[in-house]
Amino acid sequence: MDKLLTDVEYQRMSEEYDKVKYPCKCGHRVVIPVWQDKQVCTWCGNYVFKDKKEEFKYRIKEKIK
């Protein structure tokens, strides 16, 4: 039998997901795992970055290429 989450466990899981959600420019919030710096938004297809520093590094590498 599958184990269902209790209300407390579900609340804790929800709080942990909120810590790794980042807003896209289109308004959608995207979950970015700890080991990644960027993720593709499922609504608009643009990259969503964890912070401005990672976005800056990506844009510079893009310009160099």
N, C-alpha and C. Protein backbone atom coordinates (compact mmCIF):
# COMPACT_ATOMS: atom_id res chain seq x y z
N MET A 1 0.83 -1.17 0.00
CA MET A 1 0.00 0.00 0.00
C MET A 1 0.89 1.25 0.00
N ASP A 2 0.54 2.23 -0.82
CA ASP A 2 1.30 3.48 -0.89
C ASP A 2 1.07 4.31 0.37
N LYS A 3 2.15 4.93 0.80
CA LYS A 3 2.06 5.78 1.98
C LYS A 3 1.65 7.18 1.55
N LEU A 4 0.60 7.70 2.14
CA LEU A 4 0.16 9.06 1.86
C LEU A 4 0.82 10.01 2.84
N LEU A 5 1.03 11.24 2.40
CA LEU A 5 1.65 12.24 3.25
C LEU A 5 0.64 12.78 4.26
N THR A 6 1.11 13.03 5.45
CA THR A 6 0.27 13.69 6.44
C THR A 6 0.25 15.18 6.13
N ASP A 7 -0.61 15.91 6.79
CA ASP A 7 -0.69 17.35 6.55
C ASP A 7 0.62 18.05 6.89
N VAL A 8 1.27 17.64 7.96
CA VAL A 8 2.54 18.24 8.37
C VAL A 8 3.62 17.95 7.34
N GLU A 9 3.70 16.72 6.86
CA GLU A 9 4.70 16.35 5.86
C GLU A 9 4.47 17.10 4.55
N TYR A 10 3.19 17.23 4.16
CA TYR A 10 2.86 17.94 2.93
C TYR A 10 3.23 19.42 3.05
N GLN A 11 2.96 20.02 4.21
CA GLN A 11 3.29 21.41 4.44
C GLN A 11 4.81 21.63 4.37
N ARG A 12 5.58 20.72 4.97
CA ARG A 12 7.03 20.82 4.95
C ARG A 12 7.56 20.68 3.52
N MET A 13 7.00 19.75 2.76
CA MET A 13 7.41 19.56 1.37
C MET A 13 7.09 20.81 0.54
N SER A 14 5.93 21.39 0.78
CA SER A 14 5.53 22.59 0.07
C SER A 14 6.46 23.76 0.38
N GLU A 15 6.87 23.89 1.62
CA GLU A 15 7.80 24.96 2.01
C GLU A 15 9.16 24.77 1.35
N GLU A 16 9.61 23.53 1.23
CA GLU A 16 10.89 23.26 0.58
C GLU A 16 10.83 23.57 -0.91
N TYR A 17 9.70 23.27 -1.56
CA TYR A 17 9.54 23.61 -2.98
C TYR A 17 9.55 25.12 -3.17
N ASP A 18 8.93 25.85 -2.24
CA ASP A 18 8.91 27.31 -2.35
C ASP A 18 10.31 27.90 -2.29
N LYS A 19 11.23 27.24 -1.62
CA LYS A 19 12.60 27.73 -1.52
C LYS A 19 13.35 27.64 -2.84
N VAL A 20 12.94 26.74 -3.73
CA VAL A 20 13.65 26.54 -5.00
C VAL A 20 12.83 26.98 -6.20
N LYS A 21 11.80 27.78 -6.00
CA LYS A 21 11.01 28.35 -7.09
C LYS A 21 11.50 29.75 -7.38
N TYR A 22 11.71 30.03 -8.67
CA TYR A 22 12.20 31.33 -9.09
C TYR A 22 11.26 31.89 -10.15
N PRO A 23 11.00 33.21 -10.14
CA PRO A 23 10.05 33.79 -11.09
C PRO A 23 10.66 34.01 -12.47
N CYS A 24 9.87 33.74 -13.48
CA CYS A 24 10.24 34.02 -14.87
C CYS A 24 9.75 35.42 -15.21
N LYS A 25 10.24 35.98 -16.31
CA LYS A 25 9.79 37.31 -16.73
C LYS A 25 8.32 37.31 -17.15
N CYS A 26 7.80 36.14 -17.51
CA CYS A 26 6.40 36.04 -17.92
C CYS A 26 5.46 35.90 -16.73
N GLY A 27 6.02 35.71 -15.52
CA GLY A 27 5.19 35.61 -14.33
C GLY A 27 5.08 34.21 -13.76
N HIS A 28 5.47 33.22 -14.53
CA HIS A 28 5.40 31.83 -14.08
C HIS A 28 6.55 31.55 -13.12
N ARG A 29 6.31 30.73 -12.11
CA ARG A 29 7.37 30.36 -11.17
C ARG A 29 7.89 28.97 -11.54
N VAL A 30 9.22 28.85 -11.66
CA VAL A 30 9.86 27.64 -12.14
C VAL A 30 10.70 27.04 -11.02
N VAL A 31 10.60 25.71 -10.84
CA VAL A 31 11.42 25.01 -9.86
C VAL A 31 12.79 24.73 -10.48
N ILE A 32 13.86 25.22 -9.83
CA ILE A 32 15.22 24.98 -10.29
C ILE A 32 15.92 24.14 -9.23
N PRO A 33 16.33 22.92 -9.56
CA PRO A 33 17.02 22.07 -8.59
C PRO A 33 18.31 22.70 -8.10
N VAL A 34 18.78 22.24 -6.97
CA VAL A 34 19.98 22.80 -6.33
C VAL A 34 21.20 22.68 -7.23
N TRP A 35 21.33 21.62 -7.98
CA TRP A 35 22.53 21.38 -8.78
C TRP A 35 22.52 22.10 -10.13
N GLN A 36 21.46 22.83 -10.46
CA GLN A 36 21.40 23.55 -11.72
C GLN A 36 21.38 25.05 -11.49
N ASP A 37 21.84 25.82 -12.49
CA ASP A 37 21.86 27.27 -12.40
C ASP A 37 20.73 27.92 -13.18
N LYS A 38 20.19 27.17 -14.16
CA LYS A 38 19.10 27.72 -14.96
C LYS A 38 18.15 26.61 -15.37
N GLN A 39 16.94 27.01 -15.75
CA GLN A 39 15.91 26.06 -16.17
C GLN A 39 15.06 26.74 -17.23
N VAL A 40 14.50 25.99 -18.14
CA VAL A 40 13.64 26.53 -19.18
C VAL A 40 12.22 26.67 -18.63
N CYS A 41 11.62 27.84 -18.84
CA CYS A 41 10.24 28.09 -18.42
C CYS A 41 9.31 27.28 -19.31
N THR A 42 8.36 26.58 -18.71
CA THR A 42 7.44 25.75 -19.49
C THR A 42 6.36 26.58 -20.17
N TRP A 43 6.18 27.83 -19.77
CA TRP A 43 5.17 28.67 -20.40
C TRP A 43 5.71 29.40 -21.62
N CYS A 44 6.86 30.08 -21.45
CA CYS A 44 7.34 30.93 -22.54
C CYS A 44 8.59 30.39 -23.24
N GLY A 45 9.28 29.41 -22.64
CA GLY A 45 10.45 28.83 -23.27
C GLY A 45 11.75 29.57 -23.02
N ASN A 46 11.72 30.63 -22.24
CA ASN A 46 12.94 31.38 -21.91
C ASN A 46 13.63 30.73 -20.72
N TYR A 47 14.93 31.05 -20.58
CA TYR A 47 15.67 30.56 -19.42
C TYR A 47 15.30 31.36 -18.19
N VAL A 48 15.23 30.67 -17.06
CA VAL A 48 15.04 31.29 -15.76
C VAL A 48 16.31 30.98 -14.97
N PHE A 49 16.93 32.02 -14.42
CA PHE A 49 18.19 31.86 -13.69
C PHE A 49 17.95 32.00 -12.20
N LYS A 50 18.84 31.36 -11.41
CA LYS A 50 18.74 31.45 -9.95
C LYS A 50 19.02 32.85 -9.45
N ASP A 51 20.02 33.50 -10.05
CA ASP A 51 20.36 34.86 -9.63
C ASP A 51 20.96 35.62 -10.80
N LYS A 52 21.15 36.90 -10.60
CA LYS A 52 21.65 37.77 -11.66
C LYS A 52 23.08 37.41 -12.07
N LYS A 53 23.87 36.92 -11.14
CA LYS A 53 25.26 36.56 -11.44
C LYS A 53 25.31 35.41 -12.45
N GLU A 54 24.49 34.38 -12.25
CA GLU A 54 24.46 33.25 -13.19
C GLU A 54 23.96 33.69 -14.56
N GLU A 55 22.96 34.58 -14.58
CA GLU A 55 22.45 35.08 -15.85
C GLU A 55 23.53 35.88 -16.57
N PHE A 56 24.27 36.69 -15.83
CA PHE A 56 25.34 37.49 -16.42
C PHE A 56 26.41 36.59 -17.04
N LYS A 57 26.82 35.55 -16.31
CA LYS A 57 27.83 34.62 -16.83
C LYS A 57 27.34 33.94 -18.11
N TYR A 58 26.08 33.54 -18.15
CA TYR A 58 25.52 32.89 -19.33
C TYR A 58 25.50 33.85 -20.52
N ARG A 59 25.06 35.08 -20.28
CA ARG A 59 24.97 36.06 -21.37
C ARG A 59 26.35 36.41 -21.92
N ILE A 60 27.35 36.51 -21.05
CA ILE A 60 28.72 36.80 -21.51
C ILE A 60 29.24 35.65 -22.37
N LYS A 61 29.05 34.42 -21.92
CA LYS A 61 29.49 33.26 -22.71
C LYS A 61 28.79 33.21 -24.06
N GLU A 62 27.49 33.60 -24.05
CA GLU A 62 26.71 33.63 -25.28
C GLU A 62 27.28 34.67 -26.24
N LYS A 63 27.66 35.83 -25.74
CA LYS A 63 28.22 36.90 -26.59
C LYS A 63 29.59 36.52 -27.15
N ILE A 64 30.39 35.80 -26.34
CA ILE A 64 31.72 35.40 -26.79
C ILE A 64 31.62 34.42 -27.95
N LYS A 65 30.66 33.52 -27.89
CA LYS A 65 30.49 32.54 -28.97
C LYS A 65 30.06 33.25 -30.23
